[in-house]
Protein backbone atom coordinates (compact mmCIF):
# COMPACT_ATOMS: atom_id res chain seq x y z
CA UNK A 1 -82.64 4.04 -118.90
CA UNK A 2 -84.94 6.94 -117.86
CA UNK A 3 -82.05 9.36 -118.87
CA UNK A 4 -81.83 7.64 -122.39
CA UNK A 5 -85.54 7.77 -123.00
CA UNK A 6 -85.59 11.59 -121.86
CA UNK A 7 -82.92 12.34 -124.44
CA UNK A 8 -84.67 10.18 -127.05
CA UNK A 9 -87.88 12.33 -126.86
CA UNK A 10 -86.42 15.75 -126.08
CA UNK A 11 -83.82 18.17 -127.40
CA UNK A 12 -81.89 20.24 -125.01
CA UNK A 13 -84.20 18.92 -122.11
CA UNK A 14 -87.39 20.33 -123.77
CA UNK A 15 -90.28 18.19 -124.96
CA UNK A 16 -90.44 17.77 -128.72
CA UNK A 17 -93.91 17.03 -130.17
CA UNK A 18 -92.42 16.37 -133.64
CA UNK A 19 -89.96 13.71 -132.35
CA UNK A 20 -92.80 12.04 -130.23
CA UNK A 21 -95.26 12.29 -132.78
CA UNK A 22 -93.12 10.81 -135.36
CA UNK A 23 -92.20 8.02 -133.13
CA UNK A 24 -95.94 7.17 -132.34
CA UNK A 25 -96.85 7.30 -136.09
CA UNK A 26 -93.89 5.07 -136.96
CA UNK A 27 -94.96 2.50 -134.24
CA UNK A 28 -98.53 2.55 -135.38
CA UNK A 29 -97.46 2.31 -139.09
CA UNK A 30 -95.12 -0.58 -138.45
CA UNK A 31 -98.13 -2.56 -136.90
CA UNK A 32 -100.50 -1.60 -139.76
CA UNK A 33 -97.95 -2.44 -142.46
CA UNK A 34 -97.26 -5.88 -140.73
CA UNK A 35 -100.94 -6.58 -140.60
CA UNK A 36 -101.53 -5.66 -144.39
CA UNK A 37 -98.46 -7.77 -145.43
CA UNK A 38 -99.61 -10.83 -143.32
CA UNK A 39 -103.16 -10.69 -144.75
CA UNK A 40 -102.63 -9.66 -148.34
CA UNK A 41 -99.08 -10.87 -148.90
CA UNK A 42 -98.39 -7.57 -150.68
CA UNK A 43 -96.17 -4.76 -149.51
CA UNK A 44 -98.28 -1.48 -149.92
CA UNK A 45 -96.94 1.67 -151.29
CA UNK A 46 -95.15 3.60 -148.39
CA UNK A 47 -94.57 6.99 -150.00
CA UNK A 48 -97.57 8.71 -148.41
CA UNK A 49 -96.64 7.37 -145.05
CA UNK A 50 -93.10 8.38 -145.30
CA UNK A 51 -94.14 11.89 -146.10
CA UNK A 52 -96.63 12.00 -143.19
CA UNK A 53 -94.00 10.87 -140.64
CA UNK A 54 -91.36 13.26 -142.14
CA UNK A 55 -93.84 16.15 -142.17
CA UNK A 56 -94.51 15.63 -138.32
CA UNK A 57 -90.85 15.94 -137.51
CA UNK A 58 -90.38 18.67 -140.07
CA UNK A 59 -92.96 20.82 -138.65
CA UNK A 60 -91.36 20.64 -135.16
CA UNK A 61 -88.05 21.49 -136.43
CA UNK A 62 -89.47 24.41 -138.60
CA UNK A 63 -91.23 25.64 -135.52
CA UNK A 64 -87.97 25.52 -133.52
CA UNK A 65 -85.98 27.13 -136.13
CA UNK A 66 -88.38 30.13 -136.29
CA UNK A 67 -88.49 30.52 -132.64
CA UNK A 68 -84.65 30.77 -132.78
CA UNK A 69 -84.69 33.17 -135.53
CA UNK A 70 -87.16 35.48 -133.82
CA UNK A 71 -85.51 35.21 -130.44
CA UNK A 72 -88.60 33.80 -128.54
CA UNK A 73 -86.77 30.73 -127.44
């Protein structure tokens, strides 16, 4: 189980803030959206939330790509 969790949150054995940040934001968002739906009985617009979570992961991937291009990784 520990090996699975390490592979889930890392890439090539290295920590990935983009992946971990996206997971934390997604977990928080699921709770927040559930709360809103239960109290208002209306599903809120999810475009902004989707962009925010995608941006966290995208920034991490962009950083990794730039490091590989410039040979610092």
